[in-house]
Amino acid sequence: MYLSFIEIVSTAVAGVRHLKICGHDYTAYSYDWYIDDAIFLAARWKPDQITYERILHLRNWIRENYQHDHNISYQRLCSLAGCRKWVKVVIHAEYRHAPGEFKTDYQQRLSENKGIFS
């Protein structure tokens, strides 16, 4: 069961779901459990805080957290501010051992996170 900001447009063979998230089209493939976790967390935010961009941003960092074995827990986050801080921690983990030439990229990711969650 999805919330008011999610509409299931269709479900295809092999578990592909076509969704509307805050009115934006999104294709969730069978392996994309990250979007479900992001939606689950967004459901805890105040209604006026829920946006497509925030949900997608959170989904992408949930994926990075999992795929790069950071394994930083997020299931108990209860607020938009908590999600912003969690993403910041994942960004720090992602760039912790990166060479100096990635410093600009690191700063851009932090700035992007701050902007999306502001």
Protein backbone atom coordinates (compact mmCIF):
# COMPACT_ATOMS: atom_id res chain seq x y z
CA MET A 1 0.00 0.00 0.00
CA TYR A 2 1.38 3.37 -1.02
CA LEU A 3 0.63 6.78 0.36
CA SER A 4 -1.12 9.74 -1.23
CA PHE A 5 2.06 11.01 -2.90
CA ILE A 6 2.52 7.71 -4.76
CA GLU A 7 0.35 6.35 -7.53
CA ILE A 8 0.88 2.94 -9.09
CA VAL A 9 0.28 3.50 -12.80
CA SER A 10 0.91 -0.11 -13.82
CA THR A 11 2.75 -3.26 -12.90
CA ALA A 12 4.45 -5.18 -15.67
CA VAL A 13 5.82 -8.66 -15.96
CA ALA A 14 8.96 -9.34 -13.90
CA GLY A 15 7.92 -6.91 -11.18
CA VAL A 16 8.48 -3.65 -13.03
CA ARG A 17 6.28 -0.94 -11.54
CA HIS A 18 5.41 2.33 -13.21
CA LEU A 19 4.81 4.89 -10.49
CA LYS A 20 3.95 8.54 -10.19
CA ILE A 21 5.89 10.01 -7.30
CA CYS A 22 4.59 13.48 -6.47
CA GLY A 23 3.24 13.59 -10.03
CA HIS A 24 6.54 12.56 -11.70
CA ASP A 25 6.91 9.32 -13.66
CA TYR A 26 9.25 6.74 -12.16
CA THR A 27 9.98 3.20 -13.33
CA ALA A 28 10.85 0.90 -10.44
CA TYR A 29 12.54 -2.27 -11.65
CA SER A 30 12.28 -5.46 -9.64
CA TYR A 31 15.74 -4.94 -8.12
CA ASP A 32 15.02 -1.31 -7.11
CA TRP A 33 14.12 -1.80 -3.46
CA TYR A 34 15.94 1.46 -2.74
CA ILE A 35 12.95 3.49 -3.96
CA ASP A 36 10.66 1.61 -1.59
CA ASP A 37 12.93 2.42 1.35
CA ALA A 38 13.07 6.09 0.30
CA ILE A 39 9.27 6.21 0.04
CA PHE A 40 8.97 4.55 3.45
CA LEU A 41 11.19 7.24 4.98
CA ALA A 42 9.48 10.10 3.11
CA ALA A 43 6.14 8.95 4.54
CA ARG A 44 7.45 10.06 7.95
CA TRP A 45 8.03 13.64 6.80
CA LYS A 46 5.52 16.45 6.99
CA PRO A 47 3.33 16.46 3.86
CA ASP A 48 4.69 19.79 2.60
CA GLN A 49 8.27 18.43 2.81
CA ILE A 50 7.67 15.54 0.42
CA THR A 51 9.03 16.15 -3.08
CA TYR A 52 10.07 13.96 -5.97
CA GLU A 53 13.60 15.41 -5.92
CA ARG A 54 14.07 14.64 -2.23
CA ILE A 55 12.77 11.09 -2.56
CA LEU A 56 14.97 10.38 -5.60
CA HIS A 57 18.02 11.93 -3.90
CA LEU A 58 17.44 9.78 -0.82
CA ARG A 59 16.95 6.70 -3.00
CA ASN A 60 20.27 7.30 -4.75
CA TRP A 61 22.18 7.60 -1.48
CA ILE A 62 20.46 4.50 -0.05
CA ARG A 63 21.77 2.70 -3.14
CA GLU A 64 25.29 4.08 -2.66
CA ASN A 65 25.23 3.13 1.02
CA TYR A 66 24.32 -0.45 0.15
CA GLN A 67 26.39 -0.96 -3.01
CA HIS A 68 29.59 0.44 -1.49
CA ASP A 69 29.18 -1.50 1.76
CA HIS A 70 28.97 1.50 4.05
CA ASN A 71 26.00 -0.18 5.76
CA ILE A 72 25.03 2.95 7.69
CA SER A 73 21.66 2.29 9.27
CA TYR A 74 18.74 4.47 8.17
CA GLN A 75 15.59 2.47 8.89
CA ARG A 76 14.75 4.43 12.06
CA LEU A 77 15.09 7.93 10.62
CA CYS A 78 11.96 9.89 11.48
CA SER A 79 12.34 13.31 9.90
CA LEU A 80 13.52 15.24 6.88
CA ALA A 81 16.39 16.65 8.97
CA GLY A 82 17.39 13.13 10.02
CA CYS A 83 17.48 12.02 6.38
CA ARG A 84 19.58 15.07 5.42
CA LYS A 85 22.10 14.28 8.16
CA TRP A 86 22.16 10.59 7.22
CA VAL A 87 22.92 11.39 3.57
CA LYS A 88 25.70 13.71 4.74
CA VAL A 89 27.22 10.84 6.73
CA VAL A 90 27.05 8.58 3.67
CA ILE A 91 28.72 11.28 1.53
CA HIS A 92 31.53 11.53 4.10
CA ALA A 93 31.91 7.73 4.02
CA GLU A 94 31.87 7.70 0.23
CA TYR A 95 34.73 10.21 -0.06
CA ARG A 96 36.70 9.27 3.05
CA HIS A 97 39.47 7.52 1.12
CA ALA A 98 39.13 9.40 -2.16
CA PRO A 99 42.23 11.08 -3.58
CA GLY A 100 42.53 14.87 -3.35
CA GLU A 101 41.36 15.43 -6.92
CA PHE A 102 37.86 14.39 -5.80
CA LYS A 103 37.61 17.18 -3.21
CA THR A 104 35.55 19.38 -5.56
CA ASP A 105 33.14 16.52 -6.25
CA TYR A 106 32.88 15.84 -2.51
CA GLN A 107 32.05 19.49 -1.80
CA GLN A 108 29.49 19.52 -4.62
CA ARG A 109 27.73 16.46 -3.19
CA LEU A 110 27.56 18.07 0.26
CA SER A 111 26.23 21.30 -1.24
CA GLU A 112 23.69 19.43 -3.37
CA ASN A 113 22.46 17.52 -0.32
CA LYS A 114 22.06 20.70 1.68
CA GLY A 115 20.17 22.36 -1.18
CA ILE A 116 17.80 19.47 -1.79
CA PHE A 117 16.90 19.12 1.87
CA SER A 118 16.60 22.88 2.55
